[in-house]
PDB file of all heavy atoms in Angstrom:
ATOM      1  N   ASP A   1     189.613  64.973  89.311  1.00  0.00           N
ATOM      2  CA  ASP A   1     188.584  64.698  90.321  1.00  0.00           C
ATOM      3  C   ASP A   1     187.229  65.270  89.933  1.00  0.00           C
ATOM      4  O   ASP A   1     186.253  65.161  90.679  1.00  0.00           O
ATOM      5  CB  ASP A   1     189.011  65.254  91.681  1.00  0.00           C
ATOM      6  CG  ASP A   1     189.256  66.763  91.651  1.00  0.00           C
ATOM      7  OD1 ASP A   1     189.126  67.377  90.571  1.00  0.00           O
ATOM      8  OD2 ASP A   1     189.577  67.324  92.722  1.00  0.00           O
ATOM      9  N   GLY A   2     187.153  65.902  88.755  1.00  0.00           N
ATOM     10  CA  GLY A   2     185.889  66.461  88.296  1.00  0.00           C
ATOM     11  C   GLY A   2     185.591  67.833  88.843  1.00  0.00           C
ATOM     12  O   GLY A   2     184.539  68.401  88.550  1.00  0.00           O
ATOM     13  N   LYS A   3     186.523  68.396  89.609  1.00  0.00           N
ATOM     14  CA  LYS A   3     186.299  69.706  90.218  1.00  0.00           C
ATOM     15  C   LYS A   3     187.095  70.782  89.482  1.00  0.00           C
ATOM     16  O   LYS A   3     188.176  70.518  88.962  1.00  0.00           O
ATOM     17  CB  LYS A   3     186.692  69.680  91.698  1.00  0.00           C
ATOM     18  CG  LYS A   3     185.835  68.742  92.533  1.00  0.00           C
ATOM     19  CD  LYS A   3     186.245  68.782  93.999  1.00  0.00           C
ATOM     20  CE  LYS A   3     185.376  67.851  94.834  1.00  0.00           C
ATOM     21  NZ  LYS A   3     185.778  67.864  96.260  1.00  0.00           N
ATOM     22  N   TRP A   4     186.534  71.989  89.471  1.00  0.00           N
ATOM     23  CA  TRP A   4     187.206  73.130  88.848  1.00  0.00           C
ATOM     24  C   TRP A   4     188.530  73.388  89.558  1.00  0.00           C
ATOM     25  O   TRP A   4     188.586  73.447  90.784  1.00  0.00           O
ATOM     26  CB  TRP A   4     186.318  74.366  88.934  1.00  0.00           C
ATOM     27  CG  TRP A   4     186.798  75.532  88.117  1.00  0.00           C
ATOM     28  CD1 TRP A   4     187.702  76.484  88.483  1.00  0.00           C
ATOM     29  CD2 TRP A   4     186.380  75.890  86.787  1.00  0.00           C
ATOM     30  NE1 TRP A   4     187.876  77.399  87.488  1.00  0.00           N
ATOM     31  CE2 TRP A   4     187.072  77.066  86.429  1.00  0.00           C
ATOM     32  CE3 TRP A   4     185.486  75.325  85.879  1.00  0.00           C
ATOM     33  CZ2 TRP A   4     186.894  77.690  85.192  1.00  0.00           C
ATOM     34  CZ3 TRP A   4     185.312  75.946  84.654  1.00  0.00           C
ATOM     35  CH2 TRP A   4     186.007  77.098  84.318  1.00  0.00           C
ATOM     36  N   ILE A   5     189.596  73.539  88.796  1.00  0.00           N
ATOM     37  CA  ILE A   5     190.907  73.831  89.373  1.00  0.00           C
ATOM     38  C   ILE A   5     190.905  75.256  89.893  1.00  0.00           C
ATOM     39  O   ILE A   5     190.607  76.199  89.154  1.00  0.00           O
ATOM     40  CB  ILE A   5     192.013  73.641  88.323  1.00  0.00           C
ATOM     41  CG1 ILE A   5     192.009  72.193  87.805  1.00  0.00           C
ATOM     42  CG2 ILE A   5     193.380  73.998  88.900  1.00  0.00           C
ATOM     43  CD1 ILE A   5     192.876  71.983  86.578  1.00  0.00           C
ATOM     44  N   ASP A   6     191.219  75.429  91.161  1.00  0.00           N
ATOM     45  CA  ASP A   6     191.151  76.741  91.795  1.00  0.00           C
ATOM     46  C   ASP A   6     191.969  77.778  91.022  1.00  0.00           C
ATOM     47  O   ASP A   6     193.160  77.592  90.790  1.00  0.00           O
ATOM     48  CB  ASP A   6     191.656  76.657  93.237  1.00  0.00           C
ATOM     49  CG  ASP A   6     191.449  77.960  93.995  1.00  0.00           C
ATOM     50  OD1 ASP A   6     190.386  78.587  93.797  1.00  0.00           O
ATOM     51  OD2 ASP A   6     192.334  78.347  94.770  1.00  0.00           O
ATOM     52  N   GLY A   7     191.310  78.853  90.619  1.00  0.00           N
ATOM     53  CA  GLY A   7     191.995  79.931  89.910  1.00  0.00           C
ATOM     54  C   GLY A   7     192.174  79.708  88.426  1.00  0.00           C
ATOM     55  O   GLY A   7     192.685  80.584  87.717  1.00  0.00           O
ATOM     56  N   SER A   8     191.772  78.553  87.912  1.00  0.00           N
ATOM     57  CA  SER A   8     191.914  78.280  86.481  1.00  0.00           C
ATOM     58  C   SER A   8     190.893  79.103  85.697  1.00  0.00           C
ATOM     59  O   SER A   8     189.760  79.290  86.134  1.00  0.00           O
ATOM     60  CB  SER A   8     191.708  76.797  86.203  1.00  0.00           C
ATOM     61  OG  SER A   8     191.909  76.506  84.834  1.00  0.00           O
ATOM     62  N   ALA A   9     191.311  79.586  84.514  1.00  0.00           N
ATOM     63  CA  ALA A   9     190.404  80.413  83.701  1.00  0.00           C
ATOM     64  C   ALA A   9     190.820  80.325  82.235  1.00  0.00           C
ATOM     65  O   ALA A   9     191.262  81.310  81.640  1.00  0.00           O
ATOM     66  CB  ALA A   9     190.412  81.858  84.179  1.00  0.00           C
ATOM     67  N   ILE A  10     190.681  79.153  81.649  1.00  0.00           N
ATOM     68  CA  ILE A  10     191.029  78.962  80.242  1.00  0.00           C
ATOM     69  C   ILE A  10     189.776  79.192  79.410  1.00  0.00           C
ATOM     70  O   ILE A  10     188.874  78.351  79.362  1.00  0.00           O
ATOM     71  CB  ILE A  10     191.584  77.546  79.982  1.00  0.00           C
ATOM     72  CG1 ILE A  10     192.749  77.236  80.922  1.00  0.00           C
ATOM     73  CG2 ILE A  10     192.025  77.417  78.525  1.00  0.00           C
ATOM     74  CD1 ILE A  10     193.197  75.780  80.871  1.00  0.00           C
ATOM     75  N   GLY A  11     189.708  80.358  78.779  1.00  0.00           N
ATOM     76  CA  GLY A  11     188.556  80.708  77.975  1.00  0.00           C
ATOM     77  C   GLY A  11     188.943  80.974  76.543  1.00  0.00           C
ATOM     78  O   GLY A  11     190.067  80.664  76.115  1.00  0.00           O
ATOM     79  N   SER A  12     188.028  81.571  75.791  1.00  0.00           N
ATOM     80  CA  SER A  12     188.293  81.895  74.391  1.00  0.00           C
ATOM     81  C   SER A  12     188.154  83.385  74.120  1.00  0.00           C
ATOM     82  O   SER A  12     188.095  83.813  72.974  1.00  0.00           O
ATOM     83  CB  SER A  12     187.316  81.129  73.485  1.00  0.00           C
ATOM     84  OG  SER A  12     185.975  81.501  73.775  1.00  0.00           O
ATOM     85  N   GLY A  13     188.075  84.193  75.178  1.00  0.00           N
ATOM     86  CA  GLY A  13     187.863  85.626  75.037  1.00  0.00           C
ATOM     87  C   GLY A  13     189.108  86.393  74.651  1.00  0.00           C
ATOM     88  O   GLY A  13     190.195  85.823  74.484  1.00  0.00           O
ATOM     89  N   PRO A  14     188.999  87.708  74.515  1.00  0.00           N
ATOM     90  CA  PRO A  14     190.106  88.541  74.037  1.00  0.00           C
ATOM     91  C   PRO A  14     191.246  88.717  75.039  1.00  0.00           C
ATOM     92  O   PRO A  14     192.329  89.159  74.677  1.00  0.00           O
ATOM     93  CB  PRO A  14     189.434  89.872  73.742  1.00  0.00           C
ATOM     94  CG  PRO A  14     188.262  89.910  74.672  1.00  0.00           C
ATOM     95  CD  PRO A  14     187.777  88.491  74.747  1.00  0.00           C
ATOM     96  N   PHE A  15     190.996  88.364  76.305  1.00  0.00           N
ATOM     97  CA  PHE A  15     192.041  88.472  77.325  1.00  0.00           C
ATOM     98  C   PHE A  15     192.167  87.153  78.081  1.00  0.00           C
ATOM     99  O   PHE A  15     191.187  86.448  78.278  1.00  0.00           O
ATOM    100  CB  PHE A  15     191.718  89.603  78.312  1.00  0.00           C
ATOM    101  CG  PHE A  15     191.803  90.968  77.701  1.00  0.00           C
ATOM    102  CD1 PHE A  15     190.661  91.585  77.208  1.00  0.00           C
ATOM    103  CD2 PHE A  15     193.010  91.629  77.606  1.00  0.00           C
ATOM    104  CE1 PHE A  15     190.722  92.841  76.631  1.00  0.00           C
ATOM    105  CE2 PHE A  15     193.089  92.887  77.029  1.00  0.00           C
ATOM    106  CZ  PHE A  15     191.937  93.501  76.533  1.00  0.00           C
ATOM    107  N   ARG A  16     193.374  86.861  78.491  1.00  0.00           N
ATOM    108  CA  ARG A  16     193.637  85.663  79.296  1.00  0.00           C
ATOM    109  C   ARG A  16     194.072  86.087  80.697  1.00  0.00           C
ATOM    110  O   ARG A  16     194.645  87.173  80.894  1.00  0.00           O
ATOM    111  CB  ARG A  16     194.717  84.805  78.647  1.00  0.00           C
ATOM    112  CG  ARG A  16     196.089  85.437  78.614  1.00  0.00           C
ATOM    113  CD  ARG A  16     197.158  84.406  78.270  1.00  0.00           C
ATOM    114  NE  ARG A  16     197.228  84.132  76.843  1.00  0.00           N
ATOM    115  CZ  ARG A  16     197.670  82.994  76.345  1.00  0.00           C
ATOM    116  NH1 ARG A  16     198.053  82.021  77.148  1.00  0.00           N
ATOM    117  NH2 ARG A  16     197.747  82.829  75.041  1.00  0.00           N
ATOM    118  N   LEU A  17     193.786  85.232  81.662  1.00  0.00           N
ATOM    119  CA  LEU A  17     194.164  85.517  83.040  1.00  0.00           C
ATOM    120  C   LEU A  17     195.673  85.374  83.201  1.00  0.00           C
ATOM    121  O   LEU A  17     196.250  84.336  82.900  1.00  0.00           O
ATOM    122  CB  LEU A  17     193.455  84.554  83.996  1.00  0.00           C
ATOM    123  CG  LEU A  17     193.791  84.720  85.483  1.00  0.00           C
ATOM    124  CD1 LEU A  17     193.347  86.082  86.006  1.00  0.00           C
ATOM    125  CD2 LEU A  17     193.132  83.601  86.302  1.00  0.00           C
ATOM    126  N   LYS A  18     196.304  86.433  83.690  1.00  0.00           N
ATOM    127  CA  LYS A  18     197.734  86.389  83.986  1.00  0.00           C
ATOM    128  C   LYS A  18     197.965  86.096  85.465  1.00  0.00           C
ATOM    129  O   LYS A  18     198.741  85.210  85.830  1.00  0.00           O
ATOM    130  CB  LYS A  18     198.397  87.717  83.617  1.00  0.00           C
ATOM    131  CG  LYS A  18     199.877  87.759  83.949  1.00  0.00           C
ATOM    132  CD  LYS A  18     200.492  89.122  83.651  1.00  0.00           C
ATOM    133  CE  LYS A  18     201.976  89.155  83.997  1.00  0.00           C
ATOM    134  NZ  LYS A  18     202.561  90.511  83.736  1.00  0.00           N
ATOM    135  N   GLU A  19     197.263  86.838  86.322  1.00  0.00           N
ATOM    136  CA  GLU A  19     197.505  86.699  87.765  1.00  0.00           C
ATOM    137  C   GLU A  19     196.304  87.238  88.537  1.00  0.00           C
ATOM    138  O   GLU A  19     195.725  88.256  88.184  1.00  0.00           O
ATOM    139  CB  GLU A  19     198.761  87.483  88.152  1.00  0.00           C
ATOM    140  CG  GLU A  19     199.183  87.334  89.596  1.00  0.00           C
ATOM    141  CD  GLU A  19     200.438  88.134  89.924  1.00  0.00           C
ATOM    142  OE1 GLU A  19     200.695  89.140  89.215  1.00  0.00           O
ATOM    143  OE2 GLU A  19     201.147  87.766  90.867  1.00  0.00           O
ATOM    144  N   TRP A  20     195.948  86.522  89.573  1.00  0.00           N
ATOM    145  CA  TRP A  20     194.924  86.983  90.502  1.00  0.00           C
ATOM    146  C   TRP A  20     195.526  86.987  91.901  1.00  0.00           C
ATOM    147  O   TRP A  20     195.764  85.940  92.480  1.00  0.00           O
ATOM    148  CB  TRP A  20     193.696  86.080  90.427  1.00  0.00           C
ATOM    149  CG  TRP A  20     192.621  86.389  91.443  1.00  0.00           C
ATOM    150  CD1 TRP A  20     192.453  87.537  92.168  1.00  0.00           C
ATOM    151  CD2 TRP A  20     191.564  85.515  91.854  1.00  0.00           C
ATOM    152  NE1 TRP A  20     191.363  87.454  92.983  1.00  0.00           N
ATOM    153  CE2 TRP A  20     190.791  86.225  92.815  1.00  0.00           C
ATOM    154  CE3 TRP A  20     191.178  84.221  91.488  1.00  0.00           C
ATOM    155  CZ2 TRP A  20     189.676  85.645  93.433  1.00  0.00           C
ATOM    156  CZ3 TRP A  20     190.067  83.658  92.095  1.00  0.00           C
ATOM    157  CH2 TRP A  20     189.320  84.370  93.060  1.00  0.00           C
ATOM    158  N   VAL A  21     195.792  88.176  92.411  1.00  0.00           N
ATOM    159  CA  VAL A  21     196.268  88.324  93.785  1.00  0.00           C
ATOM    160  C   VAL A  21     195.048  88.723  94.614  1.00  0.00           C
ATOM    161  O   VAL A  21     194.560  89.853  94.505  1.00  0.00           O
ATOM    162  CB  VAL A  21     197.379  89.388  93.891  1.00  0.00           C
ATOM    163  CG1 VAL A  21     197.817  89.540  95.347  1.00  0.00           C
ATOM    164  CG2 VAL A  21     198.563  89.001  93.015  1.00  0.00           C
ATOM    165  N   LYS A  22     194.554  87.793  95.379  1.00  0.00           N
ATOM    166  CA  LYS A  22     193.280  87.989  96.058  1.00  0.00           C
ATOM    167  C   LYS A  22     193.293  89.226  96.950  1.00  0.00           C
ATOM    168  O   LYS A  22     194.263  89.495  97.654  1.00  0.00           O
ATOM    169  CB  LYS A  22     192.920  86.736  96.852  1.00  0.00           C
ATOM    170  CG  LYS A  22     192.646  85.540  95.942  1.00  0.00           C
ATOM    171  CD  LYS A  22     192.144  84.323  96.682  1.00  0.00           C
ATOM    172  CE  LYS A  22     191.838  83.191  95.687  1.00  0.00           C
ATOM    173  NZ  LYS A  22     191.302  81.980  96.350  1.00  0.00           N
ATOM    174  N   ALA A  23     192.181  89.953  96.854  1.00  0.00           N
ATOM    175  CA  ALA A  23     191.944  91.185  97.602  1.00  0.00           C
ATOM    176  C   ALA A  23     192.809  92.347  97.117  1.00  0.00           C
ATOM    177  O   ALA A  23     192.755  93.429  97.691  1.00  0.00           O
ATOM    178  CB  ALA A  23     192.137  90.985  99.099  1.00  0.00           C
ATOM    179  N   GLN A  24     193.596  92.130  96.030  1.00  0.00           N
ATOM    180  CA  GLN A  24     194.434  93.214  95.518  1.00  0.00           C
ATOM    181  C   GLN A  24     194.134  93.536  94.057  1.00  0.00           C
ATOM    182  O   GLN A  24     193.745  94.660  93.741  1.00  0.00           O
ATOM    183  CB  GLN A  24     195.911  92.864  95.682  1.00  0.00           C
ATOM    184  CG  GLN A  24     196.358  92.739  97.137  1.00  0.00           C
ATOM    185  CD  GLN A  24     197.849  92.516  97.255  1.00  0.00           C
ATOM    186  OE1 GLN A  24     198.652  93.168  96.581  1.00  0.00           O
ATOM    187  NE2 GLN A  24     198.235  91.573  98.107  1.00  0.00           N
ATOM    188  N   TYR A  25     194.297  92.563  93.166  1.00  0.00           N
ATOM    189  CA  TYR A  25     194.056  92.855  91.755  1.00  0.00           C
ATOM    190  C   TYR A  25     193.901  91.571  90.950  1.00  0.00           C
ATOM    191  O   TYR A  25     194.279  90.481  91.383  1.00  0.00           O
ATOM    192  CB  TYR A  25     195.189  93.701  91.161  1.00  0.00           C
ATOM    193  CG  TYR A  25     196.545  93.028  91.138  1.00  0.00           C
ATOM    194  CD1 TYR A  25     196.910  92.164  90.099  1.00  0.00           C
ATOM    195  CD2 TYR A  25     197.478  93.244  92.156  1.00  0.00           C
ATOM    196  CE1 TYR A  25     198.151  91.537  90.079  1.00  0.00           C
ATOM    197  CE2 TYR A  25     198.723  92.630  92.140  1.00  0.00           C
ATOM    198  CZ  TYR A  25     199.048  91.782  91.104  1.00  0.00           C
ATOM    199  OH  TYR A  25     200.274  91.156  91.077  1.00  0.00           O
ATOM    200  N   VAL A  26     193.314  91.754  89.747  1.00  0.00           N
ATOM    201  CA  VAL A  26     193.246  90.687  88.755  1.00  0.00           C
ATOM    202  C   VAL A  26     193.906  91.243  87.492  1.00  0.00           C
ATOM    203  O   VAL A  26     193.471  92.270  86.967  1.00  0.00           O
ATOM    204  CB  VAL A  26     191.797  90.266  88.438  1.00  0.00           C
ATOM    205  CG1 VAL A  26     191.786  89.128  87.421  1.00  0.00           C
ATOM    206  CG2 VAL A  26     191.068  89.857  89.714  1.00  0.00           C
ATOM    207  N   ALA A  27     194.972  90.584  87.031  1.00  0.00           N
ATOM    208  CA  ALA A  27     195.720  91.052  85.867  1.00  0.00           C
ATOM    209  C   ALA A  27     195.435  90.164  84.661  1.00  0.00           C
ATOM    210  O   ALA A  27     195.486  88.931  84.755  1.00  0.00           O
ATOM    211  CB  ALA A  27     197.217  91.066  86.167  1.00  0.00           C
ATOM    212  N   LEU A  28     195.142  90.797  83.530  1.00  0.00           N
ATOM    213  CA  LEU A  28     194.860  90.085  82.282  1.00  0.00           C
ATOM    214  C   LEU A  28     195.837  90.514  81.199  1.00  0.00           C
ATOM    215  O   LEU A  28     196.310  91.656  81.201  1.00  0.00           O
ATOM    216  CB  LEU A  28     193.434  90.376  81.800  1.00  0.00           C
ATOM    217  CG  LEU A  28     192.276  90.263  82.799  1.00  0.00           C
ATOM    218  CD1 LEU A  28     190.971  90.613  82.108  1.00  0.00           C
ATOM    219  CD2 LEU A  28     192.215  88.875  83.402  1.00  0.00           C
ATOM    220  N   ASP A  29     196.123  89.615  80.277  1.00  0.00           N
ATOM    221  CA  ASP A  29     196.934  89.920  79.097  1.00  0.00           C
ATOM    222  C   ASP A  29     196.090  89.719  77.845  1.00  0.00           C
ATOM    223  O   ASP A  29     195.230  88.825  77.801  1.00  0.00           O
ATOM    224  CB  ASP A  29     198.160  88.989  79.012  1.00  0.00           C
ATOM    225  CG  ASP A  29     199.230  89.340  80.028  1.00  0.00           C
ATOM    226  OD1 ASP A  29     199.191  90.449  80.583  1.00  0.00           O
ATOM    227  OD2 ASP A  29     200.097  88.468  80.289  1.00  0.00           O
ATOM    228  N   ARG A  30     196.363  90.531  76.824  1.00  0.00           N
ATOM    229  CA  ARG A  30     195.640  90.349  75.565  1.00  0.00           C
ATOM    230  C   ARG A  30     195.977  88.989  74.974  1.00  0.00           C
ATOM    231  O   ARG A  30     197.135  88.563  74.980  1.00  0.00           O
ATOM    232  CB  ARG A  30     196.016  91.456  74.580  1.00  0.00           C
ATOM    233  CG  ARG A  30     195.186  91.391  73.287  1.00  0.00           C
ATOM    234  CD  ARG A  30     195.503  92.509  72.315  1.00  0.00           C
ATOM    235  NE  ARG A  30     196.842  92.368  71.766  1.00  0.00           N
ATOM    236  CZ  ARG A  30     197.775  93.307  71.806  1.00  0.00           C
ATOM    237  NH1 ARG A  30     197.504  94.469  72.388  1.00  0.00           N
ATOM    238  NH2 ARG A  30     198.963  93.108  71.296  1.00  0.00           N
ATOM    239  N   PHE A  31     194.950  88.295  74.464  1.00  0.00           N
ATOM    240  CA  PHE A  31     195.134  86.992  73.834  1.00  0.00           C
ATOM    241  C   PHE A  31     195.273  87.210  72.333  1.00  0.00           C
ATOM    242  O   PHE A  31     194.304  87.509  71.639  1.00  0.00           O
ATOM    243  CB  PHE A  31     193.943  86.091  74.147  1.00  0.00           C
ATOM    244  CG  PHE A  31     193.962  84.766  73.438  1.00  0.00           C
ATOM    245  CD1 PHE A  31     195.128  84.005  73.365  1.00  0.00           C
ATOM    246  CD2 PHE A  31     192.803  84.268  72.853  1.00  0.00           C
ATOM    247  CE1 PHE A  31     195.146  82.781  72.707  1.00  0.00           C
ATOM    248  CE2 PHE A  31     192.806  83.045  72.198  1.00  0.00           C
ATOM    249  CZ  PHE A  31     193.986  82.303  72.124  1.00  0.00           C
ATOM    250  N   ASP A  32     196.494  87.062  71.834  1.00  0.00           N
ATOM    251  CA  ASP A  32     196.753  87.349  70.422  1.00  0.00           C
ATOM    252  C   ASP A  32     196.148  86.308  69.484  1.00  0.00           C
ATOM    253  O   ASP A  32     196.085  86.540  68.272  1.00  0.00           O
ATOM    254  CB  ASP A  32     198.260  87.476  70.187  1.00  0.00           C
ATOM    255  CG  ASP A  32     198.838  88.743  70.822  1.00  0.00           C
ATOM    256  OD1 ASP A  32     198.097  89.736  70.892  1.00  0.00           O
ATOM    257  OD2 ASP A  32     199.996  88.728  71.256  1.00  0.00           O
ATOM    258  N   GLY A  33     195.713  85.174  70.023  1.00  0.00           N
ATOM    259  CA  GLY A  33     195.085  84.158  69.187  1.00  0.00           C
ATOM    260  C   GLY A  33     193.596  84.381  68.979  1.00  0.00           C
ATOM    261  O   GLY A  33     192.935  83.586  68.298  1.00  0.00           O
ATOM    262  N   TYR A  34     193.078  85.483  69.521  1.00  0.00           N
ATOM    263  CA  TYR A  34     191.650  85.756  69.404  1.00  0.00           C
ATOM    264  C   TYR A  34     191.312  86.248  67.997  1.00  0.00           C
ATOM    265  O   TYR A  34     191.925  87.176  67.483  1.00  0.00           O
ATOM    266  CB  TYR A  34     191.224  86.811  70.424  1.00  0.00           C
ATOM    267  CG  TYR A  34     189.751  87.120  70.401  1.00  0.00           C
ATOM    268  CD1 TYR A  34     188.844  86.270  71.009  1.00  0.00           C
ATOM    269  CD2 TYR A  34     189.269  88.255  69.754  1.00  0.00           C
ATOM    270  CE1 TYR A  34     187.483  86.536  70.984  1.00  0.00           C
ATOM    271  CE2 TYR A  34     187.910  88.530  69.727  1.00  0.00           C
ATOM    272  CZ  TYR A  34     187.024  87.673  70.346  1.00  0.00           C
ATOM    273  OH  TYR A  34     185.680  87.940  70.309  1.00  0.00           O
ATOM    274  N   LYS A  35     190.341  85.622  67.378  1.00  0.00           N
ATOM    275  CA  LYS A  35     189.887  86.024  66.048  1.00  0.00           C
ATOM    276  C   LYS A  35     188.465  86.569  66.165  1.00  0.00           C
ATOM    277  O   LYS A  35     187.513  85.808  66.370  1.00  0.00           O
ATOM    278  CB  LYS A  35     189.927  84.846  65.075  1.00  0.00           C
ATOM    279  CG  LYS A  35     191.339  84.352  64.802  1.00  0.00           C
ATOM    280  CD  LYS A  35     191.356  83.236  63.770  1.00  0.00           C
ATOM    281  CE  LYS A  35     192.786  82.769  63.497  1.00  0.00           C
ATOM    282  NZ  LYS A  35     192.825  81.675  62.490  1.00  0.00           N
ATOM    283  N   PRO A  36     188.302  87.890  66.045  1.00  0.00           N
ATOM    284  CA  PRO A  36     186.994  88.508  66.271  1.00  0.00           C
ATOM    285  C   PRO A  36     185.984  88.192  65.181  1.00  0.00           C
ATOM    286  O   PRO A  36     186.343  87.860  64.049  1.00  0.00           O
ATOM    287  CB  PRO A  36     187.309  90.002  66.302  1.00  0.00           C
ATOM    288  CG  PRO A  36     188.534  90.144  65.461  1.00  0.00           C
ATOM    289  CD  PRO A  36     189.334  88.891  65.721  1.00  0.00           C
ATOM    290  N   ILE A  37     184.738  88.302  65.542  1.00  0.00           N
ATOM    291  CA  ILE A  37     183.649  88.136  64.599  1.00  0.00           C
ATOM    292  C   ILE A  37     183.546  89.388  63.734  1.00  0.00           C
ATOM    293  O   ILE A  37     184.049  90.455  64.109  1.00  0.00           O
ATOM    294  CB  ILE A  37     182.341  87.864  65.373  1.00  0.00           C
ATOM    295  CG1 ILE A  37     181.351  87.082  64.525  1.00  0.00           C
ATOM    296  CG2 ILE A  37     181.736  89.149  65.913  1.00  0.00           C
ATOM    297  CD1 ILE A  37     180.242  86.463  65.345  1.00  0.00           C
ATOM    298  N   ALA A  38     182.875  89.277  62.603  1.00  0.00           N
ATOM    299  CA  ALA A  38     182.817  90.408  61.666  1.00  0.00           C
ATOM    300  C   ALA A  38     181.941  91.543  62.177  1.00  0.00           C
ATOM    301  O   ALA A  38     182.206  92.717  61.881  1.00  0.00           O
ATOM    302  CB  ALA A  38     182.309  89.923  60.309  1.00  0.00           C
ATOM    303  N   GLU A  39     180.901  91.244  62.951  1.00  0.00           N
ATOM    304  CA  GLU A  39     179.984  92.292  63.410  1.00  0.00           C
ATOM    305  C   GLU A  39     180.698  93.289  64.314  1.00  0.00           C
ATOM    306  O   GLU A  39     181.492  92.914  65.180  1.00  0.00           O
ATOM    307  CB  GLU A  39     178.792  91.677  64.152  1.00  0.00           C
ATOM    308  CG  GLU A  39     177.792  92.712  64.645  1.00  0.00           C
ATOM    309  CD  GLU A  39     176.550  92.099  65.245  1.00  0.00           C
ATOM    310  OE1 GLU A  39     175.947  91.203  64.611  1.00  0.00           O
ATOM    311  OE2 GLU A  39     176.151  92.521  66.345  1.00  0.00           O
ATOM    312  N   LYS A  40     180.401  94.564  64.133  1.00  0.00           N
ATOM    313  CA  LYS A  40     181.045  95.592  64.938  1.00  0.00           C
ATOM    314  C   LYS A  40     180.676  95.430  66.413  1.00  0.00           C
ATOM    315  O   LYS A  40     179.595  94.905  66.743  1.00  0.00           O
ATOM    316  CB  LYS A  40     180.652  96.987  64.441  1.00  0.00           C
ATOM    317  CG  LYS A  40     179.182  97.326  64.624  1.00  0.00           C
ATOM    318  CD  LYS A  40     178.899  98.731  64.115  1.00  0.00           C
ATOM    319  CE  LYS A  40     177.421  99.101  64.325  1.00  0.00           C
ATOM    320  NZ  LYS A  40     177.132 100.465  63.844  1.00  0.00           N
ATOM    321  N   PRO A  41     181.522  95.872  67.318  1.00  0.00           N
ATOM    322  CA  PRO A  41     181.247  95.712  68.748  1.00  0.00           C
ATOM    323  C   PRO A  41     180.066  96.569  69.188  1.00  0.00           C
ATOM    324  O   PRO A  41     179.920  97.720  68.768  1.00  0.00           O
ATOM    325  CB  PRO A  41     182.541  96.167  69.422  1.00  0.00           C
ATOM    326  CG  PRO A  41     183.201  97.069  68.428  1.00  0.00           C
ATOM    327  CD  PRO A  41     182.834  96.519  67.082  1.00  0.00           C
ATOM    328  N   SER A  42     179.223  96.005  70.033  1.00  0.00           N
ATOM    329  CA  SER A  42     178.089  96.722  70.600  1.00  0.00           C
ATOM    330  C   SER A  42     177.684  96.009  71.870  1.00  0.00           C
ATOM    331  O   SER A  42     177.292  94.847  71.838  1.00  0.00           O
ATOM    332  CB  SER A  42     176.919  96.754  69.617  1.00  0.00           C
ATOM    333  OG  SER A  42     175.812  97.438  70.169  1.00  0.00           O
ATOM    334  N   GLY A  43     177.798  96.683  73.001  1.00  0.00           N
ATOM    335  CA  GLY A  43     177.514  96.035  74.268  1.00  0.00           C
ATOM    336  C   GLY A  43     178.432  94.853  74.481  1.00  0.00           C
ATOM    337  O   GLY A  43     179.656  94.956  74.343  1.00  0.00           O
ATOM    338  N   PHE A  44     177.857  93.696  74.777  1.00  0.00           N
ATOM    339  CA  PHE A  44     178.651  92.476  74.956  1.00  0.00           C
ATOM    340  C   PHE A  44     178.588  91.592  73.724  1.00  0.00           C
ATOM    341  O   PHE A  44     178.971  90.430  73.770  1.00  0.00           O
ATOM    342  CB  PHE A  44     178.146  91.709  76.184  1.00  0.00           C
ATOM    343  CG  PHE A  44     178.938  91.986  77.436  1.00  0.00           C
ATOM    344  CD1 PHE A  44     179.621  93.169  77.606  1.00  0.00           C
ATOM    345  CD2 PHE A  44     178.999  91.057  78.460  1.00  0.00           C
ATOM    346  CE1 PHE A  44     180.342  93.440  78.757  1.00  0.00           C
ATOM    347  CE2 PHE A  44     179.731  91.289  79.616  1.00  0.00           C
ATOM    348  CZ  PHE A  44     180.400  92.488  79.760  1.00  0.00           C
TER     349      PHE A  44
END
């Protein structure tokens, strides 16, 4: 329908969304398919 699927969060970052229990917590799991850039981490 062209609308964002409620609660969907498919990104390319180092963590993936596991569970969002509203008003309680947001749980993330490490994404093992993440391939970091060569530059050392600094800020974002």
